[in-house]
Amino acid sequence: MTRTKRIAIFASGSGSNAQKIIEHFKDSSEAEVTIILSNRPDAYVLERADNHEIPTHVFDREEFYHSARVVTLLQNLEIDLVVLAGFLWLIPQNMLEAFPGRIVNIHPALLPKYGGQGMYGDRVHKAIMSAGERESGITIHYVDEVYDAGDVIYQAHFKIEPNDNLDMIKYKGQQLEHLHYPRIIENLLKKL
């Protein structure tokens, strides 16, 4: 019998994607969310984890970038896939080396457009609106040493209607994120 695959989720904010991933794997015998990590002690995602009795770990910049503690923690937990869900820091080299091809992220636009440092959340959607784009979407991609530059795994599109405001665009994108991210994670785990 194969052991249950283990997921670590990194999030900096509310954690709506983390919530959907937790729910997706809640009754699965194939995979589980083993731990949720955050760089913000006040992030709502930590409360979501608590509600599902999932252990959490909060770290600061020093621990993340200048020690091996986070990587060691993930290795000790035998994590199979590292999932970024609204996590805003660049992943350090030691983690990229420890989990090659096993760190994924979701971005609220169709990369390579509207990606890169500082492009997250409403900033992305506002840039898309300012450019007068007729469509947007989401990108699930592997993580490397450059923001939003890793190989694309999956993209989903939605139309932007002329009267769509920021909230509508954000809502359409989140619907796609919540629909596809857990499923893509499940598919990736099957290949590991």
N, C-alpha and C. Protein backbone atom coordinates (compact mmCIF):
# COMPACT_ATOMS: atom_id res chain seq x y z
N MET A 1 0.83 -1.19 0.00
CA MET A 1 0.00 0.00 0.00
C MET A 1 0.87 1.25 0.00
N THR A 2 0.52 2.20 -0.85
CA THR A 2 1.30 3.43 -0.90
C THR A 2 0.85 4.36 0.22
N ARG A 3 1.80 5.13 0.74
CA ARG A 3 1.45 6.04 1.83
C ARG A 3 0.72 7.26 1.30
N THR A 4 -0.02 7.90 2.17
CA THR A 4 -0.74 9.12 1.83
C THR A 4 0.25 10.21 1.47
N LYS A 5 0.00 10.85 0.31
CA LYS A 5 0.87 11.96 -0.11
C LYS A 5 0.62 13.16 0.80
N ARG A 6 1.66 13.92 1.05
CA ARG A 6 1.58 15.01 2.01
C ARG A 6 1.81 16.36 1.35
N ILE A 7 0.91 17.29 1.66
CA ILE A 7 0.93 18.63 1.09
C ILE A 7 1.25 19.64 2.18
N ALA A 8 2.15 20.57 1.86
CA ALA A 8 2.38 21.73 2.72
C ALA A 8 1.89 22.95 1.96
N ILE A 9 1.06 23.77 2.60
CA ILE A 9 0.55 24.98 1.96
C ILE A 9 1.19 26.20 2.62
N PHE A 10 1.72 27.09 1.78
CA PHE A 10 2.24 28.38 2.24
C PHE A 10 1.24 29.46 1.83
N ALA A 11 0.84 30.30 2.78
CA ALA A 11 -0.10 31.38 2.48
C ALA A 11 0.23 32.59 3.34
N SER A 12 -0.05 33.77 2.80
CA SER A 12 0.23 35.02 3.54
C SER A 12 -1.04 35.73 3.99
N GLY A 13 -2.20 35.29 3.50
CA GLY A 13 -3.41 36.07 3.76
C GLY A 13 -4.59 35.25 4.24
N SER A 14 -5.72 35.50 3.60
CA SER A 14 -6.99 34.93 4.04
C SER A 14 -7.04 33.41 3.87
N GLY A 15 -6.49 32.91 2.78
CA GLY A 15 -6.41 31.46 2.61
C GLY A 15 -7.63 30.81 2.00
N SER A 16 -8.32 31.52 1.09
CA SER A 16 -9.50 30.89 0.47
C SER A 16 -9.10 29.70 -0.41
N ASN A 17 -7.98 29.80 -1.11
CA ASN A 17 -7.50 28.66 -1.88
C ASN A 17 -7.08 27.52 -0.97
N ALA A 18 -6.40 27.85 0.13
CA ALA A 18 -6.01 26.82 1.10
C ALA A 18 -7.25 26.08 1.60
N GLN A 19 -8.32 26.83 1.88
CA GLN A 19 -9.58 26.24 2.35
C GLN A 19 -10.11 25.22 1.34
N LYS A 20 -10.12 25.60 0.06
CA LYS A 20 -10.63 24.70 -0.99
C LYS A 20 -9.77 23.45 -1.11
N ILE A 21 -8.47 23.61 -0.95
CA ILE A 21 -7.55 22.46 -1.03
C ILE A 21 -7.79 21.54 0.16
N ILE A 22 -7.92 22.13 1.36
CA ILE A 22 -8.19 21.33 2.55
C ILE A 22 -9.48 20.53 2.36
N GLU A 23 -10.53 21.19 1.91
CA GLU A 23 -11.82 20.53 1.71
C GLU A 23 -11.73 19.43 0.66
N HIS A 24 -10.97 19.70 -0.40
CA HIS A 24 -10.83 18.73 -1.49
C HIS A 24 -10.22 17.42 -1.00
N PHE A 25 -9.22 17.52 -0.12
CA PHE A 25 -8.50 16.32 0.32
C PHE A 25 -8.97 15.79 1.68
N LYS A 26 -10.01 16.41 2.25
CA LYS A 26 -10.44 16.08 3.61
C LYS A 26 -10.73 14.59 3.79
N ASP A 27 -11.43 14.00 2.83
CA ASP A 27 -11.80 12.60 2.95
C ASP A 27 -11.00 11.69 2.04
N SER A 28 -9.88 12.21 1.54
CA SER A 28 -9.05 11.43 0.60
C SER A 28 -8.13 10.49 1.35
N SER A 29 -7.96 9.31 0.80
CA SER A 29 -6.97 8.38 1.38
C SER A 29 -5.63 8.53 0.64
N GLU A 30 -5.64 9.31 -0.44
CA GLU A 30 -4.44 9.44 -1.27
C GLU A 30 -3.56 10.62 -0.88
N ALA A 31 -4.19 11.68 -0.35
CA ALA A 31 -3.40 12.87 -0.02
C ALA A 31 -4.05 13.63 1.13
N GLU A 32 -3.22 14.42 1.82
CA GLU A 32 -3.71 15.24 2.93
C GLU A 32 -2.91 16.52 3.01
N VAL A 33 -3.54 17.55 3.56
CA VAL A 33 -2.80 18.77 3.90
C VAL A 33 -2.20 18.53 5.28
N THR A 34 -0.88 18.45 5.33
CA THR A 34 -0.17 18.07 6.55
C THR A 34 0.15 19.26 7.43
N ILE A 35 0.43 20.41 6.79
CA ILE A 35 0.80 21.61 7.55
C ILE A 35 0.51 22.85 6.71
N ILE A 36 0.21 23.93 7.41
CA ILE A 36 0.05 25.23 6.75
C ILE A 36 1.06 26.18 7.36
N LEU A 37 1.81 26.85 6.50
CA LEU A 37 2.86 27.76 6.95
C LEU A 37 2.56 29.17 6.48
N SER A 38 2.92 30.14 7.31
CA SER A 38 2.70 31.53 6.94
C SER A 38 3.81 32.42 7.47
N ASN A 39 4.04 33.51 6.74
CA ASN A 39 4.99 34.53 7.17
C ASN A 39 4.28 35.64 7.95
N ARG A 40 2.97 35.48 8.17
CA ARG A 40 2.21 36.50 8.91
C ARG A 40 1.44 35.87 10.06
N PRO A 41 1.79 36.20 11.29
CA PRO A 41 1.11 35.60 12.44
C PRO A 41 -0.37 35.96 12.52
N ASP A 42 -0.78 37.02 11.81
CA ASP A 42 -2.19 37.43 11.84
C ASP A 42 -2.97 36.95 10.62
N ALA A 43 -2.37 36.12 9.78
CA ALA A 43 -3.03 35.66 8.56
C ALA A 43 -4.24 34.78 8.91
N TYR A 44 -5.35 35.05 8.25
CA TYR A 44 -6.59 34.31 8.53
C TYR A 44 -6.45 32.83 8.16
N VAL A 45 -5.55 32.52 7.26
CA VAL A 45 -5.35 31.12 6.86
C VAL A 45 -5.00 30.26 8.08
N LEU A 46 -4.36 30.84 9.09
CA LEU A 46 -3.99 30.08 10.29
C LEU A 46 -5.24 29.65 11.07
N GLU A 47 -6.24 30.52 11.07
CA GLU A 47 -7.52 30.18 11.71
C GLU A 47 -8.22 29.06 10.93
N ARG A 48 -8.17 29.15 9.62
CA ARG A 48 -8.76 28.09 8.78
C ARG A 48 -8.09 26.74 9.09
N ALA A 49 -6.77 26.77 9.21
CA ALA A 49 -6.04 25.54 9.54
C ALA A 49 -6.49 25.00 10.89
N ASP A 50 -6.59 25.90 11.85
CA ASP A 50 -7.02 25.53 13.19
C ASP A 50 -8.41 24.89 13.17
N ASN A 51 -9.30 25.45 12.38
CA ASN A 51 -10.67 24.92 12.27
C ASN A 51 -10.67 23.48 11.74
N HIS A 52 -9.66 23.12 10.98
CA HIS A 52 -9.56 21.77 10.41
C HIS A 52 -8.52 20.92 11.14
N GLU A 53 -8.04 21.44 12.26
CA GLU A 53 -7.05 20.72 13.10
C GLU A 53 -5.80 20.35 12.31
N ILE A 54 -5.35 21.30 11.49
CA ILE A 54 -4.11 21.13 10.72
C ILE A 54 -3.03 21.94 11.41
N PRO A 55 -1.88 21.34 11.70
CA PRO A 55 -0.79 22.08 12.34
C PRO A 55 -0.33 23.27 11.49
N THR A 56 0.18 24.29 12.17
CA THR A 56 0.66 25.48 11.47
C THR A 56 2.08 25.81 11.93
N HIS A 57 2.75 26.59 11.13
CA HIS A 57 4.07 27.10 11.49
C HIS A 57 4.20 28.51 10.94
N VAL A 58 4.51 29.46 11.81
CA VAL A 58 4.72 30.84 11.40
C VAL A 58 6.22 31.13 11.47
N PHE A 59 6.73 31.75 10.43
CA PHE A 59 8.17 32.03 10.36
C PHE A 59 8.38 33.49 9.98
N ASP A 60 9.58 33.97 10.24
CA ASP A 60 9.94 35.33 9.84
C ASP A 60 10.98 35.27 8.72
N ARG A 61 11.35 36.43 8.23
CA ARG A 61 12.29 36.53 7.11
C ARG A 61 13.63 35.86 7.44
N GLU A 62 14.10 36.07 8.66
CA GLU A 62 15.38 35.50 9.09
C GLU A 62 15.34 33.96 9.00
N GLU A 63 14.30 33.38 9.57
CA GLU A 63 14.19 31.91 9.57
C GLU A 63 14.05 31.37 8.15
N PHE A 64 13.30 32.07 7.29
CA PHE A 64 13.01 31.59 5.95
C PHE A 64 14.22 31.68 5.03
N TYR A 65 14.92 32.81 5.09
CA TYR A 65 16.01 33.05 4.14
C TYR A 65 17.40 32.76 4.67
N HIS A 66 17.57 32.73 5.98
CA HIS A 66 18.93 32.61 6.52
C HIS A 66 19.12 31.41 7.44
N SER A 67 18.20 30.44 7.33
CA SER A 67 18.38 29.20 8.07
C SER A 67 17.76 28.08 7.25
N ALA A 68 17.98 26.86 7.69
CA ALA A 68 17.40 25.71 6.99
C ALA A 68 16.19 25.18 7.76
N ARG A 69 15.71 25.92 8.75
CA ARG A 69 14.66 25.39 9.63
C ARG A 69 13.37 25.03 8.90
N VAL A 70 12.93 25.89 7.99
CA VAL A 70 11.67 25.61 7.29
C VAL A 70 11.83 24.39 6.38
N VAL A 71 12.94 24.33 5.66
CA VAL A 71 13.19 23.19 4.77
C VAL A 71 13.29 21.90 5.59
N THR A 72 13.99 21.96 6.71
CA THR A 72 14.14 20.78 7.57
C THR A 72 12.79 20.32 8.10
N LEU A 73 11.95 21.26 8.48
CA LEU A 73 10.61 20.93 8.96
C LEU A 73 9.83 20.19 7.87
N LEU A 74 9.86 20.69 6.65
CA LEU A 74 9.15 20.04 5.54
C LEU A 74 9.71 18.65 5.26
N GLN A 75 11.03 18.53 5.31
CA GLN A 75 11.65 17.22 5.08
C GLN A 75 11.29 16.24 6.19
N ASN A 76 11.29 16.70 7.43
CA ASN A 76 10.92 15.82 8.54
C ASN A 76 9.48 15.35 8.45
N LEU A 77 8.62 16.18 7.87
CA LEU A 77 7.22 15.80 7.69
C LEU A 77 7.00 14.98 6.41
N GLU A 78 8.09 14.73 5.68
CA GLU A 78 8.04 13.96 4.42
C GLU A 78 7.03 14.56 3.43
N ILE A 79 7.11 15.88 3.27
CA ILE A 79 6.21 16.60 2.35
C ILE A 79 6.51 16.20 0.91
N ASP A 80 5.46 15.90 0.16
CA ASP A 80 5.60 15.53 -1.25
C ASP A 80 5.46 16.72 -2.18
N LEU A 81 4.55 17.65 -1.82
CA LEU A 81 4.29 18.79 -2.69
C LEU A 81 4.12 20.04 -1.84
N VAL A 82 4.84 21.10 -2.24
CA VAL A 82 4.73 22.39 -1.59
C VAL A 82 3.82 23.25 -2.47
N VAL A 83 2.73 23.75 -1.86
CA VAL A 83 1.73 24.50 -2.60
C VAL A 83 1.70 25.94 -2.08
N LEU A 84 1.93 26.89 -2.97
CA LEU A 84 1.83 28.30 -2.61
C LEU A 84 0.42 28.77 -2.95
N ALA A 85 -0.25 29.35 -1.97
CA ALA A 85 -1.63 29.79 -2.16
C ALA A 85 -1.75 31.20 -1.60
N GLY A 86 -1.35 32.18 -2.40
CA GLY A 86 -1.34 33.55 -1.92
C GLY A 86 -0.17 33.81 -0.98
N PHE A 87 0.97 33.25 -1.35
CA PHE A 87 2.20 33.46 -0.57
C PHE A 87 3.09 34.41 -1.36
N LEU A 88 3.53 35.50 -0.73
CA LEU A 88 4.11 36.61 -1.48
C LEU A 88 5.63 36.68 -1.48
N TRP A 89 6.30 35.81 -0.77
CA TRP A 89 7.76 35.86 -0.75
C TRP A 89 8.36 34.93 -1.79
N LEU A 90 9.52 35.33 -2.30
CA LEU A 90 10.27 34.49 -3.23
C LEU A 90 10.80 33.26 -2.47
N ILE A 91 10.71 32.11 -3.11
CA ILE A 91 11.16 30.87 -2.46
C ILE A 91 12.69 30.82 -2.48
N PRO A 92 13.32 30.54 -1.32
CA PRO A 92 14.79 30.52 -1.27
C PRO A 92 15.38 29.30 -1.98
N GLN A 93 16.64 29.45 -2.36
CA GLN A 93 17.34 28.42 -3.12
C GLN A 93 17.36 27.07 -2.40
N ASN A 94 17.54 27.09 -1.08
CA ASN A 94 17.63 25.80 -0.37
C ASN A 94 16.32 25.02 -0.46
N MET A 95 15.18 25.71 -0.52
CA MET A 95 13.92 25.00 -0.67
C MET A 95 13.72 24.51 -2.10
N LEU A 96 14.12 25.33 -3.08
CA LEU A 96 14.04 24.90 -4.48
C LEU A 96 14.87 23.63 -4.70
N GLU A 97 16.02 23.58 -4.07
CA GLU A 97 16.90 22.40 -4.22
C GLU A 97 16.34 21.19 -3.48
N ALA A 98 15.69 21.42 -2.34
CA ALA A 98 15.15 20.31 -1.54
C ALA A 98 13.90 19.70 -2.18
N PHE A 99 13.16 20.52 -2.96
CA PHE A 99 11.91 20.06 -3.57
C PHE A 99 11.87 20.39 -5.06
N PRO A 100 12.80 19.82 -5.83
CA PRO A 100 12.87 20.16 -7.26
C PRO A 100 11.62 19.69 -8.00
N GLY A 101 10.98 20.61 -8.72
CA GLY A 101 9.78 20.25 -9.48
C GLY A 101 8.61 19.89 -8.59
N ARG A 102 8.69 20.25 -7.31
CA ARG A 102 7.61 19.88 -6.38
C ARG A 102 7.11 21.09 -5.58
N ILE A 103 7.27 22.29 -6.18
CA ILE A 103 6.71 23.50 -5.59
C ILE A 103 5.85 24.16 -6.67
N VAL A 104 4.58 24.41 -6.35
CA VAL A 104 3.67 25.00 -7.33
C VAL A 104 3.02 26.26 -6.76
N ASN A 105 2.60 27.13 -7.68
CA ASN A 105 1.97 28.39 -7.30
C ASN A 105 0.77 28.63 -8.21
N ILE A 106 -0.14 29.48 -7.72
CA ILE A 106 -1.25 29.92 -8.56
C ILE A 106 -1.16 31.43 -8.68
N HIS A 107 -1.38 31.93 -9.90
CA HIS A 107 -1.28 33.37 -10.17
C HIS A 107 -2.59 33.84 -10.79
N PRO A 108 -3.10 35.01 -10.36
CA PRO A 108 -4.42 35.46 -10.83
C PRO A 108 -4.40 36.19 -12.18
N ALA A 109 -3.62 35.68 -13.11
CA ALA A 109 -3.59 36.23 -14.47
C ALA A 109 -3.03 35.16 -15.40
N LEU A 110 -3.09 35.46 -16.69
CA LEU A 110 -2.56 34.52 -17.69
C LEU A 110 -1.09 34.86 -17.93
N LEU A 111 -0.23 34.18 -17.20
CA LEU A 111 1.21 34.42 -17.36
C LEU A 111 1.62 34.06 -18.78
N PRO A 112 2.63 34.70 -19.36
CA PRO A 112 3.59 35.59 -18.72
C PRO A 112 3.10 37.03 -18.52
N LYS A 113 1.89 37.36 -18.97
CA LYS A 113 1.39 38.72 -18.76
C LYS A 113 1.04 38.94 -17.29
N TYR A 114 1.30 40.13 -16.81
CA TYR A 114 0.89 40.57 -15.47
C TYR A 114 1.46 39.70 -14.34
N GLY A 115 2.70 39.32 -14.52
CA GLY A 115 3.39 38.56 -13.48
C GLY A 115 4.62 39.32 -13.01
N GLY A 116 5.34 38.73 -12.09
CA GLY A 116 6.58 39.33 -11.61
C GLY A 116 6.43 39.94 -10.23
N GLN A 117 7.55 40.44 -9.72
CA GLN A 117 7.57 40.99 -8.37
C GLN A 117 6.56 42.13 -8.21
N GLY A 118 5.82 42.11 -7.12
CA GLY A 118 4.85 43.15 -6.84
C GLY A 118 3.51 42.95 -7.54
N MET A 119 3.41 41.94 -8.40
CA MET A 119 2.15 41.69 -9.10
C MET A 119 1.39 40.59 -8.38
N TYR A 120 0.48 41.01 -7.50
CA TYR A 120 -0.35 40.06 -6.77
C TYR A 120 -1.68 40.72 -6.44
N GLY A 121 -2.67 39.89 -6.18
CA GLY A 121 -3.98 40.37 -5.74
C GLY A 121 -4.56 41.44 -6.64
N ASP A 122 -5.12 42.49 -6.00
CA ASP A 122 -5.79 43.55 -6.75
C ASP A 122 -4.87 44.28 -7.72
N ARG A 123 -3.57 44.31 -7.42
CA ARG A 123 -2.63 44.98 -8.33
C ARG A 123 -2.69 44.35 -9.72
N VAL A 124 -2.79 43.02 -9.75
CA VAL A 124 -2.86 42.32 -11.04
C VAL A 124 -4.15 42.70 -11.76
N HIS A 125 -5.27 42.62 -11.06
CA HIS A 125 -6.56 42.89 -11.69
C HIS A 125 -6.66 44.34 -12.16
N LYS A 126 -6.11 45.27 -11.39
CA LYS A 126 -6.13 46.69 -11.79
C LYS A 126 -5.30 46.91 -13.05
N ALA A 127 -4.15 46.23 -13.14
CA ALA A 127 -3.30 46.35 -14.33
C ALA A 127 -4.03 45.80 -15.56
N ILE A 128 -4.75 44.70 -15.37
CA ILE A 128 -5.51 44.08 -16.46
C ILE A 128 -6.61 45.03 -16.93
N MET A 129 -7.29 45.65 -15.96
CA MET A 129 -8.36 46.61 -16.30
C MET A 129 -7.80 47.83 -17.02
N SER A 130 -6.69 48.35 -16.51
CA SER A 130 -6.06 49.54 -17.11
C SER A 130 -5.65 49.28 -18.55
N ALA A 131 -5.24 48.05 -18.84
CA ALA A 131 -4.79 47.72 -20.19
C ALA A 131 -5.97 47.44 -21.12
N GLY A 132 -7.18 47.40 -20.56
CA GLY A 132 -8.36 47.16 -21.40
C GLY A 132 -8.45 45.74 -21.92
N GLU A 133 -7.91 44.80 -21.17
CA GLU A 133 -7.94 43.40 -21.62
C GLU A 133 -9.38 42.89 -21.73
N ARG A 134 -9.61 42.01 -22.70
CA ARG A 134 -10.92 41.42 -22.93
C ARG A 134 -11.08 40.06 -22.22
N GLU A 135 -9.94 39.52 -21.77
CA GLU A 135 -10.00 38.27 -21.02
C GLU A 135 -8.87 38.23 -20.01
N SER A 136 -9.07 37.43 -19.01
CA SER A 136 -8.02 37.16 -18.04
C SER A 136 -8.17 35.70 -17.63
N GLY A 137 -7.57 35.36 -16.50
CA GLY A 137 -7.66 33.97 -16.08
C GLY A 137 -6.70 33.69 -14.96
N ILE A 138 -6.36 32.42 -14.84
CA ILE A 138 -5.44 31.99 -13.80
C ILE A 138 -4.34 31.14 -14.42
N THR A 139 -3.21 31.10 -13.75
CA THR A 139 -2.10 30.25 -14.17
C THR A 139 -1.60 29.46 -12.97
N ILE A 140 -1.52 28.17 -13.13
CA ILE A 140 -0.88 27.31 -12.13
C ILE A 140 0.47 26.94 -12.72
N HIS A 141 1.53 27.17 -11.95
CA HIS A 141 2.87 26.97 -12.52
C HIS A 141 3.85 26.45 -11.48
N TYR A 142 4.92 25.84 -11.98
CA TYR A 142 6.01 25.44 -11.10
C TYR A 142 6.76 26.68 -10.64
N VAL A 143 7.37 26.59 -9.48
CA VAL A 143 8.08 27.71 -8.90
C VAL A 143 9.58 27.55 -9.13
N ASP A 144 10.21 28.64 -9.57
CA ASP A 144 11.67 28.66 -9.67
C ASP A 144 12.19 29.90 -8.94
N GLU A 145 13.41 30.33 -9.27
CA GLU A 145 14.03 31.43 -8.50
C GLU A 145 13.56 32.82 -8.93
N VAL A 146 12.67 32.90 -9.92
CA VAL A 146 12.16 34.19 -10.39
C VAL A 146 10.64 34.22 -10.19
N TYR A 147 10.11 35.34 -9.70
CA TYR A 147 8.66 35.46 -9.51
C TYR A 147 7.89 35.12 -10.79
N ASP A 148 6.97 34.18 -10.69
CA ASP A 148 6.01 33.86 -11.76
C ASP A 148 6.65 33.44 -13.08
N ALA A 149 7.86 32.87 -13.01
CA ALA A 149 8.56 32.53 -14.26
C ALA A 149 8.66 31.02 -14.51
N GLY A 150 8.22 30.20 -13.56
CA GLY A 150 8.34 28.75 -13.72
C GLY A 150 7.41 28.22 -14.81
N ASP A 151 7.67 27.00 -15.25
CA ASP A 151 6.88 26.39 -16.33
C ASP A 151 5.40 26.33 -15.96
N VAL A 152 4.57 26.67 -16.95
CA VAL A 152 3.12 26.65 -16.75
C VAL A 152 2.62 25.20 -16.75
N ILE A 153 1.78 24.89 -15.77
CA ILE A 153 1.15 23.58 -15.66
C ILE A 153 -0.25 23.63 -16.27
N TYR A 154 -0.98 24.72 -15.97
CA TYR A 154 -2.38 24.80 -16.39
C TYR A 154 -2.82 26.26 -16.42
N GLN A 155 -3.67 26.59 -17.39
CA GLN A 155 -4.28 27.91 -17.42
C GLN A 155 -5.77 27.77 -17.70
N ALA A 156 -6.56 28.65 -17.10
CA ALA A 156 -7.99 28.72 -17.39
C ALA A 156 -8.32 30.19 -17.64
N HIS A 157 -9.25 30.43 -18.57
CA HIS A 157 -9.56 31.79 -19.02
C HIS A 157 -10.99 32.18 -18.63
N PHE A 158 -11.20 33.48 -18.51
CA PHE A 158 -12.57 33.99 -18.43
C PHE A 158 -12.66 35.30 -19.21
N LYS A 159 -13.86 35.60 -19.69
CA LYS A 159 -14.10 36.83 -20.44
C LYS A 159 -14.29 38.00 -19.48
N ILE A 160 -13.77 39.14 -19.86
CA ILE A 160 -14.02 40.38 -19.12
C ILE A 160 -15.07 41.16 -19.91
N GLU A 161 -16.22 41.35 -19.30
CA GLU A 161 -17.30 42.11 -19.94
C GLU A 161 -17.02 43.61 -19.77
N PRO A 162 -17.52 44.44 -20.70
CA PRO A 162 -17.26 45.88 -20.65
C PRO A 162 -17.63 46.53 -19.32
N ASN A 163 -18.68 46.02 -18.65
CA ASN A 163 -19.10 46.66 -17.40
C ASN A 163 -18.57 45.95 -16.15
N ASP A 164 -17.65 45.00 -16.31
CA ASP A 164 -17.06 44.32 -15.14
C ASP A 164 -16.21 45.29 -14.33
N ASN A 165 -16.45 45.33 -13.04
CA ASN A 165 -15.59 46.14 -12.16
C ASN A 165 -14.53 45.25 -11.52
N LEU A 166 -13.72 45.84 -10.67
CA LEU A 166 -12.64 45.10 -10.02
C LEU A 166 -13.16 43.87 -9.28
N ASP A 167 -14.24 44.04 -8.53
CA ASP A 167 -14.78 42.92 -7.75
C ASP A 167 -15.26 41.78 -8.64
N MET A 168 -15.87 42.11 -9.77
CA MET A 168 -16.35 41.07 -10.70
C MET A 168 -15.18 40.29 -11.29
N ILE A 169 -14.14 41.01 -11.68
CA ILE A 169 -12.98 40.35 -12.26
C ILE A 169 -12.31 39.45 -11.22
N LYS A 170 -12.19 39.98 -10.02
CA LYS A 170 -11.59 39.19 -8.93
C LYS A 170 -12.43 37.94 -8.66
N TYR A 171 -13.74 38.11 -8.62
CA TYR A 171 -14.66 36.99 -8.35
C TYR A 171 -14.53 35.91 -9.43
N LYS A 172 -14.51 36.32 -10.69
CA LYS A 172 -14.40 35.35 -11.79
C LYS A 172 -13.09 34.57 -11.68
N GLY A 173 -12.01 35.28 -11.35
CA GLY A 173 -10.73 34.62 -11.19
C GLY A 173 -10.72 33.65 -10.03
N GLN A 174 -11.29 34.08 -8.90
CA GLN A 174 -11.30 33.19 -7.72
C GLN A 174 -12.12 31.94 -7.97
N GLN A 175 -13.22 32.08 -8.70
CA GLN A 175 -14.02 30.90 -9.02
C GLN A 175 -13.18 29.87 -9.77
N LEU A 176 -12.39 30.35 -10.72
CA LEU A 176 -11.51 29.44 -11.48
C LEU A 176 -10.43 28.84 -10.59
N GLU A 177 -9.86 29.68 -9.72
CA GLU A 177 -8.82 29.18 -8.80
C GLU A 177 -9.38 28.06 -7.94
N HIS A 178 -10.53 28.30 -7.33
CA HIS A 178 -11.11 27.32 -6.40
C HIS A 178 -11.54 26.05 -7.12
N LEU A 179 -11.94 26.18 -8.37
CA LEU A 179 -12.35 25.03 -9.16
C LEU A 179 -11.16 24.17 -9.58
N HIS A 180 -10.09 24.83 -10.05
CA HIS A 180 -9.02 24.08 -10.71
C HIS A 180 -7.82 23.73 -9.82
N TYR A 181 -7.46 24.60 -8.87
CA TYR A 181 -6.22 24.37 -8.12
C TYR A 181 -6.22 23.02 -7.38
N PRO A 182 -7.28 22.68 -6.62
CA PRO A 182 -7.25 21.38 -5.93
C PRO A 182 -7.13 20.20 -6.90
N ARG A 183 -7.82 20.30 -8.03
CA ARG A 183 -7.81 19.20 -9.02
C ARG A 183 -6.42 19.04 -9.65
N ILE A 184 -5.78 20.17 -9.98
CA ILE A 184 -4.44 20.11 -10.57
C ILE A 184 -3.44 19.55 -9.55
N ILE A 185 -3.59 19.95 -8.30
CA ILE A 185 -2.71 19.43 -7.23
C ILE A 185 -2.88 17.91 -7.13
N GLU A 186 -4.11 17.46 -7.18
CA GLU A 186 -4.37 16.01 -7.12
C GLU A 186 -3.70 15.29 -8.29
N ASN A 187 -3.80 15.85 -9.49
CA ASN A 187 -3.16 15.25 -10.67
C ASN A 187 -1.65 15.21 -10.53
N LEU A 188 -1.06 16.28 -10.00
CA LEU A 188 0.40 16.32 -9.81
C LEU A 188 0.84 15.28 -8.80
N LEU A 189 0.08 15.12 -7.73
CA LEU A 189 0.44 14.14 -6.70
C LEU A 189 0.42 12.72 -7.25
N LYS A 190 -0.48 12.45 -8.16
CA LYS A 190 -0.57 11.10 -8.75
C LYS A 190 0.69 10.75 -9.54
N LYS A 191 1.37 11.80 -10.03
CA LYS A 191 2.58 11.55 -10.84
C LYS A 191 3.83 11.43 -9.99
N LEU A 192 3.72 11.77 -8.70
CA LEU A 192 4.92 11.73 -7.83
C LEU A 192 5.18 10.31 -7.32
